[in-house]
N, C-alpha and C. Protein backbone atom coordinates (compact mmCIF):
# COMPACT_ATOMS: atom_id res chain seq x y z
N MET A 1 0.82 -1.16 0.00
CA MET A 1 0.00 0.00 0.00
C MET A 1 0.88 1.23 0.00
N THR A 2 0.87 1.83 -1.13
CA THR A 2 1.79 2.93 -1.34
C THR A 2 1.45 4.15 -0.50
N GLY A 3 0.18 4.50 -0.48
CA GLY A 3 -0.16 5.74 0.19
C GLY A 3 -0.78 5.56 1.55
N TYR A 4 -0.62 4.38 2.14
CA TYR A 4 -1.26 4.12 3.43
C TYR A 4 -0.70 5.06 4.48
N GLY A 5 -1.58 5.87 5.02
CA GLY A 5 -1.18 6.76 6.08
C GLY A 5 -0.58 8.06 5.59
N ASN A 6 -0.40 8.22 4.30
CA ASN A 6 0.19 9.45 3.74
C ASN A 6 -0.94 10.44 3.49
N PRO A 7 -0.94 11.58 4.19
CA PRO A 7 -2.05 12.54 4.04
C PRO A 7 -2.08 13.18 2.65
N ALA A 8 -0.93 13.37 2.02
CA ALA A 8 -0.91 13.98 0.69
C ALA A 8 -1.55 13.05 -0.32
N TYR A 9 -1.26 11.75 -0.17
CA TYR A 9 -1.85 10.76 -1.07
C TYR A 9 -3.36 10.72 -0.89
N SER A 10 -3.81 10.76 0.32
CA SER A 10 -5.24 10.73 0.61
C SER A 10 -5.92 11.98 0.05
N ALA A 11 -5.28 13.12 0.16
CA ALA A 11 -5.85 14.36 -0.35
C ALA A 11 -5.91 14.33 -1.87
N ALA A 12 -4.84 13.84 -2.50
CA ALA A 12 -4.80 13.76 -3.95
C ALA A 12 -5.86 12.80 -4.45
N LEU A 13 -6.00 11.67 -3.80
CA LEU A 13 -6.99 10.68 -4.20
C LEU A 13 -8.40 11.23 -3.99
N GLY A 14 -8.59 11.98 -2.95
CA GLY A 14 -9.90 12.58 -2.68
C GLY A 14 -10.24 13.67 -3.68
N ASN A 15 -9.25 14.34 -4.20
CA ASN A 15 -9.48 15.42 -5.16
C ASN A 15 -9.42 14.95 -6.61
N ALA A 16 -9.13 13.68 -6.86
CA ALA A 16 -8.97 13.17 -8.22
C ALA A 16 -10.23 13.38 -9.05
N ALA A 17 -11.39 13.09 -8.46
CA ALA A 17 -12.64 13.27 -9.20
C ALA A 17 -12.86 14.73 -9.55
N GLY A 18 -12.58 15.60 -8.59
CA GLY A 18 -12.74 17.04 -8.84
C GLY A 18 -11.77 17.53 -9.91
N MET A 19 -10.55 17.01 -9.88
CA MET A 19 -9.57 17.42 -10.88
C MET A 19 -9.96 16.91 -12.27
N MET A 20 -10.55 15.72 -12.32
CA MET A 20 -11.00 15.20 -13.61
C MET A 20 -12.14 16.07 -14.16
N VAL A 21 -13.02 16.52 -13.29
CA VAL A 21 -14.12 17.40 -13.72
C VAL A 21 -13.54 18.72 -14.23
N ILE A 22 -12.55 19.26 -13.51
CA ILE A 22 -11.91 20.51 -13.93
C ILE A 22 -11.20 20.33 -15.27
N ALA A 23 -10.50 19.18 -15.43
CA ALA A 23 -9.81 18.91 -16.70
C ALA A 23 -10.81 18.78 -17.84
N ALA A 24 -11.92 18.09 -17.59
CA ALA A 24 -12.94 17.96 -18.63
C ALA A 24 -13.53 19.32 -18.98
N GLY A 25 -13.72 20.14 -17.96
CA GLY A 25 -14.22 21.50 -18.20
C GLY A 25 -13.24 22.32 -19.02
N ALA A 26 -11.95 22.17 -18.74
CA ALA A 26 -10.93 22.90 -19.49
C ALA A 26 -10.91 22.45 -20.94
N VAL A 27 -11.04 21.13 -21.15
CA VAL A 27 -11.09 20.62 -22.53
C VAL A 27 -12.34 21.15 -23.24
N GLY A 28 -13.46 21.13 -22.53
CA GLY A 28 -14.71 21.67 -23.10
C GLY A 28 -14.58 23.14 -23.43
N LEU A 29 -13.94 23.89 -22.53
CA LEU A 29 -13.72 25.32 -22.76
C LEU A 29 -12.84 25.54 -23.98
N ALA A 30 -11.76 24.77 -24.08
CA ALA A 30 -10.86 24.90 -25.22
C ALA A 30 -11.58 24.56 -26.52
N THR A 31 -12.39 23.51 -26.50
CA THR A 31 -13.16 23.14 -27.69
C THR A 31 -14.16 24.24 -28.05
N GLY A 32 -14.81 24.77 -27.05
CA GLY A 32 -15.76 25.86 -27.27
C GLY A 32 -15.10 27.09 -27.86
N LEU A 33 -13.93 27.43 -27.32
CA LEU A 33 -13.20 28.59 -27.86
C LEU A 33 -12.77 28.35 -29.30
N GLY A 34 -12.34 27.12 -29.58
CA GLY A 34 -11.97 26.77 -30.96
C GLY A 34 -13.16 26.86 -31.89
N ASP A 35 -14.30 26.36 -31.45
CA ASP A 35 -15.52 26.43 -32.26
C ASP A 35 -15.95 27.89 -32.48
N ALA A 36 -15.83 28.70 -31.42
CA ALA A 36 -16.19 30.11 -31.54
C ALA A 36 -15.27 30.82 -32.53
N ALA A 37 -13.98 30.52 -32.47
CA ALA A 37 -13.04 31.13 -33.41
C ALA A 37 -13.35 30.69 -34.83
N ALA A 38 -13.68 29.42 -35.03
CA ALA A 38 -14.03 28.93 -36.37
C ALA A 38 -15.31 29.60 -36.87
N ALA A 39 -16.27 29.77 -35.99
CA ALA A 39 -17.52 30.43 -36.38
C ALA A 39 -17.26 31.89 -36.74
N ALA A 40 -16.39 32.54 -35.98
CA ALA A 40 -16.05 33.94 -36.29
C ALA A 40 -15.34 34.04 -37.64
N ARG A 41 -14.42 33.08 -37.91
CA ARG A 41 -13.75 33.06 -39.22
C ARG A 41 -14.75 32.87 -40.34
N GLU A 42 -15.68 31.93 -40.14
CA GLU A 42 -16.67 31.67 -41.17
C GLU A 42 -17.58 32.89 -41.39
N ALA A 43 -17.94 33.56 -40.31
CA ALA A 43 -18.76 34.77 -40.42
C ALA A 43 -18.02 35.86 -41.18
N ARG A 44 -16.71 36.03 -40.88
CA ARG A 44 -15.91 37.03 -41.61
C ARG A 44 -15.81 36.67 -43.09
N TYR A 45 -15.60 35.37 -43.37
CA TYR A 45 -15.52 34.92 -44.76
C TYR A 45 -16.84 35.18 -45.49
N ASN A 46 -17.95 34.82 -44.85
CA ASN A 46 -19.26 35.04 -45.48
C ASN A 46 -19.53 36.52 -45.71
N ARG A 47 -19.15 37.36 -44.75
CA ARG A 47 -19.34 38.79 -44.91
C ARG A 47 -18.48 39.33 -46.04
N ALA A 48 -17.22 38.88 -46.10
CA ALA A 48 -16.33 39.31 -47.18
C ALA A 48 -16.84 38.82 -48.53
N TYR A 49 -17.34 37.58 -48.57
CA TYR A 49 -17.89 37.03 -49.81
C TYR A 49 -19.10 37.85 -50.25
N GLY A 50 -19.97 38.16 -49.30
CA GLY A 50 -21.16 38.97 -49.61
C GLY A 50 -20.78 40.35 -50.12
N ASP A 51 -19.79 40.97 -49.47
CA ASP A 51 -19.33 42.29 -49.91
C ASP A 51 -18.74 42.23 -51.31
N ALA A 52 -17.94 41.20 -51.57
CA ALA A 52 -17.34 41.04 -52.90
C ALA A 52 -18.41 40.79 -53.95
N LEU A 53 -19.41 39.99 -53.60
CA LEU A 53 -20.49 39.71 -54.54
C LEU A 53 -21.29 40.98 -54.83
N LEU A 54 -21.55 41.77 -53.81
CA LEU A 54 -22.28 43.02 -53.98
C LEU A 54 -21.48 43.99 -54.85
N ALA A 55 -20.18 44.08 -54.61
CA ALA A 55 -19.32 44.97 -55.41
C ALA A 55 -19.27 44.50 -56.86
N ALA A 56 -19.18 43.19 -57.07
CA ALA A 56 -19.14 42.66 -58.44
C ALA A 56 -20.46 42.92 -59.15
N SER A 57 -21.56 42.80 -58.44
CA SER A 57 -22.87 43.06 -59.03
C SER A 57 -23.01 44.53 -59.41
N ALA A 58 -22.56 45.41 -58.53
CA ALA A 58 -22.61 46.86 -58.83
C ALA A 58 -21.72 47.17 -60.03
N HIS A 59 -20.54 46.55 -60.08
CA HIS A 59 -19.64 46.78 -61.21
C HIS A 59 -20.26 46.27 -62.51
N ALA A 60 -20.93 45.12 -62.45
CA ALA A 60 -21.59 44.58 -63.63
C ALA A 60 -22.70 45.52 -64.11
N ASP A 61 -23.44 46.11 -63.17
CA ASP A 61 -24.47 47.08 -63.54
C ASP A 61 -23.85 48.29 -64.23
N GLU A 62 -22.74 48.78 -63.69
CA GLU A 62 -22.05 49.92 -64.30
C GLU A 62 -21.56 49.57 -65.70
N MET A 63 -21.01 48.37 -65.85
CA MET A 63 -20.52 47.94 -67.17
C MET A 63 -21.67 47.78 -68.16
N GLU A 64 -22.83 47.33 -67.68
CA GLU A 64 -23.99 47.21 -68.56
C GLU A 64 -24.43 48.58 -69.04
N ASP A 65 -24.48 49.55 -68.13
CA ASP A 65 -24.83 50.92 -68.51
C ASP A 65 -23.83 51.48 -69.51
N LEU A 66 -22.55 51.23 -69.26
CA LEU A 66 -21.51 51.71 -70.17
C LEU A 66 -21.64 51.06 -71.54
N ALA A 67 -21.94 49.77 -71.57
CA ALA A 67 -22.11 49.07 -72.85
C ALA A 67 -23.32 49.61 -73.61
N ARG A 68 -24.41 49.88 -72.92
CA ARG A 68 -25.59 50.45 -73.58
C ARG A 68 -25.25 51.82 -74.17
N THR A 69 -24.55 52.64 -73.42
CA THR A 69 -24.15 53.96 -73.90
C THR A 69 -23.24 53.82 -75.12
N ALA A 70 -22.32 52.87 -75.07
CA ALA A 70 -21.40 52.66 -76.20
C ALA A 70 -22.17 52.22 -77.44
N VAL A 71 -23.15 51.33 -77.27
CA VAL A 71 -23.94 50.87 -78.42
C VAL A 71 -24.71 52.04 -79.04
N LEU A 72 -25.28 52.89 -78.21
CA LEU A 72 -26.00 54.07 -78.72
C LEU A 72 -25.05 55.01 -79.46
N MET A 73 -23.86 55.19 -78.91
CA MET A 73 -22.89 56.07 -79.58
C MET A 73 -22.44 55.49 -80.91
N VAL A 74 -22.23 54.18 -80.96
CA VAL A 74 -21.85 53.53 -82.22
C VAL A 74 -22.96 53.69 -83.25
N ALA A 75 -24.22 53.53 -82.82
CA ALA A 75 -25.34 53.70 -83.74
C ALA A 75 -25.38 55.12 -84.29
N GLU A 76 -25.14 56.12 -83.42
CA GLU A 76 -25.10 57.51 -83.87
C GLU A 76 -23.97 57.72 -84.87
N LEU A 77 -22.81 57.15 -84.57
CA LEU A 77 -21.67 57.29 -85.48
C LEU A 77 -21.92 56.60 -86.81
N GLU A 78 -22.57 55.44 -86.79
CA GLU A 78 -22.90 54.75 -88.04
C GLU A 78 -23.86 55.59 -88.88
N ALA A 79 -24.83 56.23 -88.22
CA ALA A 79 -25.76 57.09 -88.95
C ALA A 79 -25.01 58.29 -89.55
N GLU A 80 -24.08 58.85 -88.79
CA GLU A 80 -23.30 59.99 -89.29
C GLU A 80 -22.42 59.56 -90.46
N VAL A 81 -21.83 58.39 -90.38
CA VAL A 81 -21.00 57.88 -91.48
C VAL A 81 -21.86 57.68 -92.72
N ALA A 82 -23.04 57.12 -92.55
CA ALA A 82 -23.94 56.93 -93.70
C ALA A 82 -24.29 58.27 -94.33
N SER A 83 -24.55 59.27 -93.50
CA SER A 83 -24.87 60.60 -94.02
C SER A 83 -23.68 61.20 -94.75
N LEU A 84 -22.48 61.05 -94.19
CA LEU A 84 -21.28 61.59 -94.84
C LEU A 84 -21.00 60.86 -96.15
N ARG A 85 -21.24 59.57 -96.19
CA ARG A 85 -21.03 58.82 -97.44
C ARG A 85 -22.01 59.29 -98.51
N ALA A 86 -23.25 59.52 -98.10
CA ALA A 86 -24.24 60.02 -99.07
C ALA A 86 -23.82 61.39 -99.59
N ALA A 87 -23.34 62.25 -98.68
CA ALA A 87 -22.89 63.59 -99.10
C ALA A 87 -21.70 63.48 -100.04
N CYS A 88 -20.76 62.60 -99.75
CA CYS A 88 -19.59 62.42 -100.62
C CYS A 88 -20.02 61.88 -101.98
N ARG A 89 -20.97 60.94 -101.97
CA ARG A 89 -21.47 60.38 -103.23
C ARG A 89 -22.11 61.49 -104.08
N GLN A 90 -22.89 62.37 -103.43
CA GLN A 90 -23.52 63.48 -104.16
C GLN A 90 -22.46 64.43 -104.72
N ARG A 91 -21.45 64.71 -103.94
CA ARG A 91 -20.39 65.61 -104.42
C ARG A 91 -19.64 64.99 -105.59
N GLU A 92 -19.38 63.69 -105.49
CA GLU A 92 -18.71 63.00 -106.59
C GLU A 92 -19.56 63.07 -107.86
N GLU A 93 -20.87 62.93 -107.69
CA GLU A 93 -21.76 63.01 -108.84
C GLU A 93 -21.71 64.41 -109.45
N VAL A 94 -21.72 65.43 -108.60
CA VAL A 94 -21.63 66.81 -109.09
C VAL A 94 -20.31 67.03 -109.79
N ILE A 95 -19.23 66.54 -109.22
CA ILE A 95 -17.91 66.68 -109.84
C ILE A 95 -17.89 65.97 -111.19
N ASP A 96 -18.48 64.77 -111.25
CA ASP A 96 -18.53 64.04 -112.52
C ASP A 96 -19.34 64.80 -113.56
N VAL A 97 -20.44 65.41 -113.16
CA VAL A 97 -21.27 66.20 -114.09
C VAL A 97 -20.48 67.41 -114.58
N LEU A 98 -19.78 68.09 -113.68
CA LEU A 98 -19.00 69.26 -114.08
C LEU A 98 -17.85 68.87 -115.01
N LYS A 99 -17.23 67.75 -114.77
CA LYS A 99 -16.15 67.26 -115.64
C LYS A 99 -16.71 66.91 -117.02
N ALA A 100 -17.89 66.33 -117.05
CA ALA A 100 -18.50 65.95 -118.33
C ALA A 100 -18.85 67.19 -119.13
N ARG A 101 -19.23 68.26 -118.52
CA ARG A 101 -19.55 69.50 -119.22
C ARG A 101 -18.32 70.13 -119.84
N ARG A 102 -17.17 70.01 -119.21
CA ARG A 102 -15.94 70.57 -119.73
C ARG A 102 -15.51 69.89 -121.02
N ASN A 103 -15.74 68.64 -121.09
CA ASN A 103 -15.24 67.88 -122.25
C ASN A 103 -16.11 68.03 -123.41
């Protein structure tokens, strides 16, 4: 009998159950803190993902507006080019008529 009559042994043996409860509580606390940190990381990631998605959506809306404006401008330029070509064609016809009169 190793601890027979030893008061320290008796005290340690009497406190063993309490120490096991404290150790289990410490493990539970550590696990809880780890879970809380993981949840906080996931919340930050989700918030950052949401912010990035919102920014990308806003940027896409801006690009759509810009593309619509560009298409309208191209249509205006095409109409102007058609008008200038018609004017050049008319001038060429006038020049051809004037050249024919000289000869």
